[in-house]
PDB file of all heavy atoms in Angstrom:
ATOM      1  N   ASP A   1     -10.740  -6.921  -7.821  1.00  0.00           N
ATOM      2  CA  ASP A   1     -11.849  -6.780  -8.756  1.00  0.00           C
ATOM      3  C   ASP A   1     -13.097  -7.297  -7.993  1.00  0.00           C
ATOM      4  O   ASP A   1     -13.139  -8.510  -7.634  1.00  0.00           O
ATOM      5  CB  ASP A   1     -11.583  -7.544 -10.007  1.00  0.00           C
ATOM      6  CG  ASP A   1     -12.729  -7.457 -11.064  1.00  0.00           C
ATOM      7  OD1 ASP A   1     -13.905  -7.533 -10.658  1.00  0.00           O
ATOM      8  OD2 ASP A   1     -12.432  -7.249 -12.259  1.00  0.00           O
ATOM      9  N   PRO A   2     -14.143  -6.488  -7.779  1.00  0.00           N
ATOM     10  CA  PRO A   2     -15.317  -6.964  -7.009  1.00  0.00           C
ATOM     11  C   PRO A   2     -16.112  -7.986  -7.676  1.00  0.00           C
ATOM     12  O   PRO A   2     -16.844  -8.729  -6.970  1.00  0.00           O
ATOM     13  CB  PRO A   2     -16.072  -5.694  -6.796  1.00  0.00           C
ATOM     14  CG  PRO A   2     -15.740  -4.770  -7.879  1.00  0.00           C
ATOM     15  CD  PRO A   2     -14.268  -5.068  -8.166  1.00  0.00           C
ATOM     16  N   ALA A   3     -15.987  -8.176  -8.976  1.00  0.00           N
ATOM     17  CA  ALA A   3     -16.763  -9.166  -9.674  1.00  0.00           C
ATOM     18  C   ALA A   3     -16.032 -10.546  -9.685  1.00  0.00           C
ATOM     19  O   ALA A   3     -16.620 -11.518  -9.403  1.00  0.00           O
ATOM     20  CB  ALA A   3     -16.984  -8.700 -11.114  1.00  0.00           C
ATOM     21  N   SER A   4     -14.706 -10.469 -10.042  1.00  0.00           N
ATOM     22  CA  SER A   4     -13.992 -11.740 -10.155  1.00  0.00           C
ATOM     23  C   SER A   4     -13.235 -12.142  -8.907  1.00  0.00           C
ATOM     24  O   SER A   4     -12.843 -13.278  -8.711  1.00  0.00           O
ATOM     25  CB  SER A   4     -13.006 -11.685 -11.281  1.00  0.00           C
ATOM     26  OG  SER A   4     -11.943 -10.724 -11.012  1.00  0.00           O
ATOM     27  N   GLY A   5     -12.971 -11.114  -8.023  1.00  0.00           N
ATOM     28  CA  GLY A   5     -12.116 -11.340  -6.837  1.00  0.00           C
ATOM     29  C   GLY A   5     -10.637 -11.305  -7.138  1.00  0.00           C
ATOM     30  O   GLY A   5      -9.796 -11.533  -6.289  1.00  0.00           O
ATOM     31  N   GLN A   6     -10.242 -11.054  -8.373  1.00  0.00           N
ATOM     32  CA  GLN A   6      -8.843 -11.075  -8.756  1.00  0.00           C
ATOM     33  C   GLN A   6      -8.144  -9.903  -8.058  1.00  0.00           C
ATOM     34  O   GLN A   6      -8.610  -8.760  -7.992  1.00  0.00           O
ATOM     35  CB  GLN A   6      -8.661 -10.909 -10.281  1.00  0.00           C
ATOM     36  CG  GLN A   6      -7.219 -10.943 -10.693  1.00  0.00           C
ATOM     37  CD  GLN A   6      -7.117 -10.882 -12.256  1.00  0.00           C
ATOM     38  OE1 GLN A   6      -8.192 -10.931 -12.951  1.00  0.00           O
ATOM     39  NE2 GLN A   6      -5.928 -10.829 -12.786  1.00  0.00           N
ATOM     40  N   LEU A   7      -6.949 -10.184  -7.583  1.00  0.00           N
ATOM     41  CA  LEU A   7      -6.156  -9.198  -6.833  1.00  0.00           C
ATOM     42  C   LEU A   7      -5.624  -8.138  -7.858  1.00  0.00           C
ATOM     43  O   LEU A   7      -5.032  -8.492  -8.881  1.00  0.00           O
ATOM     44  CB  LEU A   7      -5.012  -9.858  -6.087  1.00  0.00           C
ATOM     45  CG  LEU A   7      -4.153  -8.870  -5.240  1.00  0.00           C
ATOM     46  CD1 LEU A   7      -5.000  -8.327  -4.048  1.00  0.00           C
ATOM     47  CD2 LEU A   7      -2.874  -9.596  -4.745  1.00  0.00           C
ATOM     48  N   ILE A   8      -5.769  -6.894  -7.581  1.00  0.00           N
ATOM     49  CA  ILE A   8      -5.245  -5.798  -8.367  1.00  0.00           C
ATOM     50  C   ILE A   8      -3.935  -5.273  -7.819  1.00  0.00           C
ATOM     51  O   ILE A   8      -2.946  -5.046  -8.571  1.00  0.00           O
ATOM     52  CB  ILE A   8      -6.289  -4.656  -8.489  1.00  0.00           C
ATOM     53  CG1 ILE A   8      -7.519  -5.138  -9.229  1.00  0.00           C
ATOM     54  CG2 ILE A   8      -5.664  -3.451  -9.260  1.00  0.00           C
ATOM     55  CD1 ILE A   8      -8.675  -4.154  -9.212  1.00  0.00           C
ATOM     56  N   ALA A   9      -3.880  -5.069  -6.504  1.00  0.00           N
ATOM     57  CA  ALA A   9      -2.645  -4.573  -5.888  1.00  0.00           C
ATOM     58  C   ALA A   9      -2.811  -4.780  -4.373  1.00  0.00           C
ATOM     59  O   ALA A   9      -3.889  -4.991  -3.879  1.00  0.00           O
ATOM     60  CB  ALA A   9      -2.424  -3.104  -6.164  1.00  0.00           C
ATOM     61  N   ALA A  10      -1.659  -4.793  -3.647  1.00  0.00           N
ATOM     62  CA  ALA A  10      -1.650  -4.966  -2.188  1.00  0.00           C
ATOM     63  C   ALA A  10      -0.460  -4.217  -1.637  1.00  0.00           C
ATOM     64  O   ALA A  10       0.541  -3.911  -2.319  1.00  0.00           O
ATOM     65  CB  ALA A  10      -1.594  -6.441  -1.840  1.00  0.00           C
ATOM     66  N   SER A  11      -0.527  -3.979  -0.305  1.00  0.00           N
ATOM     67  CA  SER A  11       0.531  -3.317   0.393  1.00  0.00           C
ATOM     68  C   SER A  11       1.778  -4.265   0.508  1.00  0.00           C
ATOM     69  O   SER A  11       1.656  -5.386   0.906  1.00  0.00           O
ATOM     70  CB  SER A  11       0.100  -2.895   1.786  1.00  0.00           C
ATOM     71  OG  SER A  11      -0.480  -3.973   2.463  1.00  0.00           O
ATOM     72  N   ASP A  12       2.896  -3.760   0.058  1.00  0.00           N
ATOM     73  CA  ASP A  12       4.184  -4.497   0.137  1.00  0.00           C
ATOM     74  C   ASP A  12       5.272  -3.501  -0.017  1.00  0.00           C
ATOM     75  O   ASP A  12       5.128  -2.310   0.026  1.00  0.00           O
ATOM     76  CB  ASP A  12       4.253  -5.633  -0.929  1.00  0.00           C
ATOM     77  CG  ASP A  12       4.092  -5.098  -2.340  1.00  0.00           C
ATOM     78  OD1 ASP A  12       4.288  -3.899  -2.635  1.00  0.00           O
ATOM     79  OD2 ASP A  12       3.752  -5.928  -3.224  1.00  0.00           O
ATOM     80  N   THR A  13       6.523  -3.959  -0.241  1.00  0.00           N
ATOM     81  CA  THR A  13       7.680  -3.105  -0.271  1.00  0.00           C
ATOM     82  C   THR A  13       7.699  -2.288  -1.614  1.00  0.00           C
ATOM     83  O   THR A  13       8.622  -1.428  -1.771  1.00  0.00           O
ATOM     84  CB  THR A  13       8.971  -3.869  -0.118  1.00  0.00           C
ATOM     85  OG1 THR A  13       9.059  -4.920  -1.131  1.00  0.00           O
ATOM     86  CG2 THR A  13       9.050  -4.524   1.264  1.00  0.00           C
ATOM     87  N   SER A  14       6.806  -2.510  -2.541  1.00  0.00           N
ATOM     88  CA  SER A  14       6.799  -1.698  -3.746  1.00  0.00           C
ATOM     89  C   SER A  14       6.233  -0.302  -3.481  1.00  0.00           C
ATOM     90  O   SER A  14       6.401   0.633  -4.269  1.00  0.00           O
ATOM     91  CB  SER A  14       6.002  -2.407  -4.866  1.00  0.00           C
ATOM     92  OG  SER A  14       4.642  -2.489  -4.498  1.00  0.00           O
ATOM     93  N   TRP A  15       5.530  -0.114  -2.387  1.00  0.00           N
ATOM     94  CA  TRP A  15       4.979   1.207  -2.012  1.00  0.00           C
ATOM     95  C   TRP A  15       6.172   2.084  -1.621  1.00  0.00           C
ATOM     96  O   TRP A  15       7.155   1.658  -1.055  1.00  0.00           O
ATOM     97  CB  TRP A  15       3.998   1.100  -0.848  1.00  0.00           C
ATOM     98  CG  TRP A  15       2.703   0.480  -1.216  1.00  0.00           C
ATOM     99  CD1 TRP A  15       2.536  -0.819  -1.736  1.00  0.00           C
ATOM    100  CD2 TRP A  15       1.401   0.994  -0.961  1.00  0.00           C
ATOM    101  NE1 TRP A  15       1.200  -1.066  -1.860  1.00  0.00           N
ATOM    102  CE2 TRP A  15       0.451   0.033  -1.404  1.00  0.00           C
ATOM    103  CE3 TRP A  15       0.921   2.155  -0.418  1.00  0.00           C
ATOM    104  CZ2 TRP A  15      -0.927   0.223  -1.347  1.00  0.00           C
ATOM    105  CZ3 TRP A  15      -0.458   2.360  -0.361  1.00  0.00           C
ATOM    106  CH2 TRP A  15      -1.372   1.406  -0.798  1.00  0.00           C
ATOM    107  N   ARG A  16       6.050   3.387  -1.958  1.00  0.00           N
ATOM    108  CA  ARG A  16       6.979   4.406  -1.488  1.00  0.00           C
ATOM    109  C   ARG A  16       6.337   5.220  -0.360  1.00  0.00           C
ATOM    110  O   ARG A  16       5.218   5.709  -0.529  1.00  0.00           O
ATOM    111  CB  ARG A  16       7.399   5.335  -2.651  1.00  0.00           C
ATOM    112  CG  ARG A  16       8.048   4.578  -3.793  1.00  0.00           C
ATOM    113  CD  ARG A  16       9.498   4.550  -3.702  1.00  0.00           C
ATOM    114  NE  ARG A  16      10.180   4.030  -4.902  1.00  0.00           N
ATOM    115  CZ  ARG A  16      11.484   4.064  -5.082  1.00  0.00           C
ATOM    116  NH1 ARG A  16      12.303   4.520  -4.127  1.00  0.00           N
ATOM    117  NH2 ARG A  16      11.958   3.588  -6.177  1.00  0.00           N
ATOM    118  N   CYS A  17       7.007   5.390   0.746  1.00  0.00           N
ATOM    119  CA  CYS A  17       6.473   6.114   1.841  1.00  0.00           C
ATOM    120  C   CYS A  17       7.491   7.065   2.473  1.00  0.00           C
ATOM    121  O   CYS A  17       8.654   6.704   2.664  1.00  0.00           O
ATOM    122  CB  CYS A  17       6.075   5.100   2.977  1.00  0.00           C
ATOM    123  SG  CYS A  17       4.687   4.017   2.508  1.00  0.00           S
ATOM    124  N   LEU A  18       6.987   8.287   2.661  1.00  0.00           N
ATOM    125  CA  LEU A  18       7.820   9.361   3.221  1.00  0.00           C
ATOM    126  C   LEU A  18       7.297   9.674   4.627  1.00  0.00           C
ATOM    127  O   LEU A  18       6.122   9.966   4.792  1.00  0.00           O
ATOM    128  CB  LEU A  18       7.768  10.586   2.312  1.00  0.00           C
ATOM    129  CG  LEU A  18       8.572  11.787   2.773  1.00  0.00           C
ATOM    130  CD1 LEU A  18      10.082  11.558   2.586  1.00  0.00           C
ATOM    131  CD2 LEU A  18       8.141  13.017   1.969  1.00  0.00           C
ATOM    132  N   THR A  19       8.243   9.768   5.623  1.00  0.00           N
ATOM    133  CA  THR A  19       7.822  10.142   6.973  1.00  0.00           C
ATOM    134  C   THR A  19       7.778  11.683   7.052  1.00  0.00           C
ATOM    135  O   THR A  19       8.794  12.361   6.712  1.00  0.00           O
ATOM    136  CB  THR A  19       8.846   9.613   7.968  1.00  0.00           C
ATOM    137  OG1 THR A  19       8.913   8.191   7.857  1.00  0.00           O
ATOM    138  CG2 THR A  19       8.457  10.003   9.410  1.00  0.00           C
ATOM    139  N   VAL A  20       6.609  12.211   7.457  1.00  0.00           N
ATOM    140  CA  VAL A  20       6.528  13.679   7.609  1.00  0.00           C
ATOM    141  C   VAL A  20       6.339  14.141   9.029  1.00  0.00           C
ATOM    142  O   VAL A  20       6.276  15.327   9.355  1.00  0.00           O
ATOM    143  CB  VAL A  20       5.391  14.245   6.687  1.00  0.00           C
ATOM    144  CG1 VAL A  20       5.743  14.064   5.238  1.00  0.00           C
ATOM    145  CG2 VAL A  20       4.077  13.577   7.020  1.00  0.00           C
ATOM    146  N   HIS A  21       6.185  13.168   9.940  1.00  0.00           N
ATOM    147  CA  HIS A  21       6.226  13.517  11.367  1.00  0.00           C
ATOM    148  C   HIS A  21       7.023  12.433  12.093  1.00  0.00           C
ATOM    149  O   HIS A  21       6.641  11.231  12.074  1.00  0.00           O
ATOM    150  CB  HIS A  21       4.848  13.673  11.963  1.00  0.00           C
ATOM    151  CG  HIS A  21       4.934  14.273  13.402  1.00  0.00           C
ATOM    152  ND1 HIS A  21       5.270  13.489  14.488  1.00  0.00           N
ATOM    153  CD2 HIS A  21       4.699  15.472  13.869  1.00  0.00           C
ATOM    154  CE1 HIS A  21       5.291  14.239  15.589  1.00  0.00           C
ATOM    155  NE2 HIS A  21       4.893  15.462  15.225  1.00  0.00           N
ATOM    156  N   GLU A  22       8.136  12.827  12.750  1.00  0.00           N
ATOM    157  CA  GLU A  22       8.934  11.944  13.499  1.00  0.00           C
ATOM    158  C   GLU A  22       9.168  12.432  14.851  1.00  0.00           C
ATOM    159  O   GLU A  22       9.584  13.594  15.060  1.00  0.00           O
ATOM    160  CB  GLU A  22      10.313  11.695  12.771  1.00  0.00           C
ATOM    161  CG  GLU A  22      11.242  10.760  13.484  1.00  0.00           C
ATOM    162  CD  GLU A  22      12.551  10.555  12.791  1.00  0.00           C
ATOM    163  OE1 GLU A  22      12.758  11.268  11.768  1.00  0.00           O
ATOM    164  OE2 GLU A  22      13.419   9.770  13.220  1.00  0.00           O
ATOM    165  N   ALA A  23       8.814  11.627  15.878  1.00  0.00           N
ATOM    166  CA  ALA A  23       9.015  12.069  17.259  1.00  0.00           C
ATOM    167  C   ALA A  23       8.811  10.811  18.186  1.00  0.00           C
ATOM    168  O   ALA A  23       8.021   9.952  17.895  1.00  0.00           O
ATOM    169  CB  ALA A  23       8.001  13.137  17.669  1.00  0.00           C
ATOM    170  N   PRO A  24       9.499  10.826  19.320  1.00  0.00           N
ATOM    171  CA  PRO A  24      10.604  11.777  19.682  1.00  0.00           C
ATOM    172  C   PRO A  24      11.848  11.457  18.986  1.00  0.00           C
ATOM    173  O   PRO A  24      12.112  10.282  18.624  1.00  0.00           O
ATOM    174  CB  PRO A  24      10.693  11.587  21.196  1.00  0.00           C
ATOM    175  CG  PRO A  24      10.330  10.101  21.418  1.00  0.00           C
ATOM    176  CD  PRO A  24       9.270   9.823  20.350  1.00  0.00           C
TER     177      PRO A  24
END
């Protein structure tokens, strides 16, 4: 929150991520 500085969300293991390019 830009006014209070309170955290809304952050990157952690709750994110879901799919790999769409894998190489090699």
